[in-house]
N, C-alpha and C. Protein backbone atom coordinates (compact mmCIF):
# COMPACT_ATOMS: atom_id res chain seq x y z
N MET A 1 76.89 81.86 20.12
CA MET A 1 76.09 80.73 20.52
C MET A 1 76.88 79.42 20.40
N VAL A 2 77.66 79.27 19.35
CA VAL A 2 78.40 78.04 19.15
C VAL A 2 79.48 77.87 20.21
N LYS A 3 80.09 78.98 20.63
CA LYS A 3 81.12 78.89 21.67
C LYS A 3 80.55 78.37 22.98
N LYS A 4 79.30 78.70 23.23
CA LYS A 4 78.67 78.33 24.49
C LYS A 4 78.16 76.88 24.48
N HIS A 5 77.71 76.40 23.33
CA HIS A 5 77.06 75.09 23.25
C HIS A 5 77.80 74.13 22.33
N TRP A 6 79.10 74.24 22.21
CA TRP A 6 79.86 73.37 21.31
C TRP A 6 79.78 71.91 21.74
N TRP A 7 79.70 71.66 23.03
CA TRP A 7 79.69 70.28 23.51
C TRP A 7 78.37 69.58 23.19
N LYS A 8 77.28 70.34 23.10
CA LYS A 8 75.99 69.74 22.73
C LYS A 8 76.00 69.35 21.25
N ILE A 9 76.57 70.22 20.43
CA ILE A 9 76.67 69.93 19.00
C ILE A 9 77.56 68.71 18.79
N LEU A 10 78.67 68.65 19.50
CA LEU A 10 79.57 67.50 19.40
C LEU A 10 78.89 66.22 19.85
N ALA A 11 78.10 66.27 20.91
CA ALA A 11 77.38 65.09 21.40
C ALA A 11 76.39 64.58 20.36
N VAL A 12 75.66 65.48 19.72
CA VAL A 12 74.70 65.07 18.69
C VAL A 12 75.42 64.45 17.50
N VAL A 13 76.51 65.05 17.08
CA VAL A 13 77.28 64.52 15.95
C VAL A 13 77.82 63.13 16.28
N LEU A 14 78.34 62.95 17.48
CA LEU A 14 78.86 61.64 17.88
C LEU A 14 77.76 60.59 17.97
N LEU A 15 76.59 60.97 18.46
CA LEU A 15 75.47 60.02 18.54
C LEU A 15 74.98 59.60 17.16
N VAL A 16 74.88 60.56 16.25
CA VAL A 16 74.46 60.23 14.88
C VAL A 16 75.48 59.32 14.22
N TYR A 17 76.76 59.63 14.41
CA TYR A 17 77.83 58.80 13.84
C TYR A 17 77.77 57.39 14.41
N THR A 18 77.60 57.26 15.71
CA THR A 18 77.58 55.95 16.35
C THR A 18 76.39 55.12 15.89
N CYS A 19 75.24 55.73 15.82
CA CYS A 19 74.05 54.99 15.38
C CYS A 19 74.15 54.56 13.93
N SER A 20 74.60 55.44 13.07
CA SER A 20 74.72 55.07 11.66
C SER A 20 75.81 54.02 11.46
N TYR A 21 76.93 54.14 12.15
CA TYR A 21 78.00 53.16 12.04
C TYR A 21 77.54 51.80 12.57
N GLY A 22 76.78 51.80 13.62
CA GLY A 22 76.31 50.55 14.21
C GLY A 22 75.39 49.77 13.30
N PHE A 23 74.66 50.45 12.43
CA PHE A 23 73.77 49.73 11.53
C PHE A 23 74.43 49.40 10.20
N TYR A 24 75.50 50.08 9.82
CA TYR A 24 76.15 49.82 8.55
C TYR A 24 77.30 48.83 8.64
N VAL A 25 77.92 48.71 9.81
CA VAL A 25 79.06 47.81 9.95
C VAL A 25 78.55 46.37 10.07
N LYS A 26 79.36 45.44 9.58
CA LYS A 26 79.00 44.03 9.69
C LYS A 26 79.37 43.53 11.07
N VAL A 27 78.40 43.00 11.78
CA VAL A 27 78.68 42.44 13.11
C VAL A 27 79.04 40.97 12.94
N PRO A 28 79.86 40.44 13.84
CA PRO A 28 80.25 39.04 13.71
C PRO A 28 79.08 38.09 13.97
N ARG A 29 79.04 37.01 13.23
CA ARG A 29 78.00 35.99 13.42
C ARG A 29 78.51 34.98 14.45
N LEU A 30 78.17 35.19 15.70
CA LEU A 30 78.64 34.29 16.74
C LEU A 30 77.82 33.00 16.79
N ASP A 31 76.54 33.13 16.57
CA ASP A 31 75.66 31.98 16.65
C ASP A 31 74.44 32.26 15.79
N ASP A 32 73.96 31.26 15.08
CA ASP A 32 72.80 31.47 14.22
C ASP A 32 71.52 31.74 15.00
N ARG A 33 71.48 31.31 16.24
CA ARG A 33 70.27 31.53 17.05
C ARG A 33 70.13 32.99 17.47
N MET A 34 71.25 33.69 17.56
CA MET A 34 71.19 35.08 18.05
C MET A 34 70.66 36.03 16.99
N GLY A 35 70.98 35.80 15.74
CA GLY A 35 70.50 36.66 14.67
C GLY A 35 70.93 38.10 14.85
N GLU A 36 69.97 39.01 14.78
CA GLU A 36 70.28 40.44 14.89
C GLU A 36 70.36 40.93 16.33
N SER A 37 70.09 40.07 17.30
CA SER A 37 70.20 40.51 18.69
C SER A 37 71.65 40.74 19.10
N ILE A 38 72.61 40.32 18.25
CA ILE A 38 74.01 40.61 18.52
C ILE A 38 74.24 42.12 18.54
N ARG A 39 73.39 42.88 17.88
CA ARG A 39 73.52 44.34 17.90
C ARG A 39 73.31 44.90 19.30
N ASN A 40 72.54 44.22 20.13
CA ASN A 40 72.40 44.65 21.53
C ASN A 40 73.74 44.64 22.22
N PHE A 41 74.51 43.58 22.01
CA PHE A 41 75.85 43.53 22.59
C PHE A 41 76.75 44.57 21.96
N PHE A 42 76.60 44.77 20.67
CA PHE A 42 77.43 45.71 19.93
C PHE A 42 77.24 47.13 20.44
N PHE A 43 76.01 47.50 20.79
CA PHE A 43 75.74 48.85 21.28
C PHE A 43 75.87 48.97 22.80
N HIS A 44 75.34 48.03 23.53
CA HIS A 44 75.18 48.21 24.97
C HIS A 44 76.42 47.92 25.80
N VAL A 45 77.18 46.90 25.44
CA VAL A 45 78.35 46.57 26.26
C VAL A 45 79.38 47.70 26.26
N PRO A 46 79.74 48.30 25.11
CA PRO A 46 80.64 49.46 25.18
C PRO A 46 80.04 50.63 25.94
N MET A 47 78.71 50.79 25.84
CA MET A 47 78.06 51.87 26.58
C MET A 47 78.17 51.65 28.09
N TRP A 48 78.04 50.40 28.53
CA TRP A 48 78.18 50.10 29.96
C TRP A 48 79.58 50.40 30.43
N PHE A 49 80.58 50.01 29.65
CA PHE A 49 81.96 50.29 30.03
C PHE A 49 82.21 51.79 30.10
N ALA A 50 81.69 52.53 29.14
CA ALA A 50 81.87 53.99 29.15
C ALA A 50 81.19 54.61 30.36
N MET A 51 80.02 54.11 30.72
CA MET A 51 79.31 54.65 31.88
C MET A 51 80.08 54.36 33.17
N MET A 52 80.67 53.17 33.27
CA MET A 52 81.44 52.83 34.47
C MET A 52 82.71 53.67 34.57
N ILE A 53 83.34 53.94 33.44
CA ILE A 53 84.55 54.77 33.45
C ILE A 53 84.23 56.20 33.84
N LEU A 54 83.11 56.71 33.31
CA LEU A 54 82.74 58.09 33.63
C LEU A 54 82.27 58.20 35.06
């Protein structure tokens, strides 16, 4: 079973790692007005680039 679905397991592990890292890492304080919405840029902009490359 693992030989057949290794890529699904890898995808779940990478998603869990990305989500946990995104909430534990310190994001830069670009502007006091933005507050925690900087996390939108932190998660979504790399995702857009990855989607365009794929």
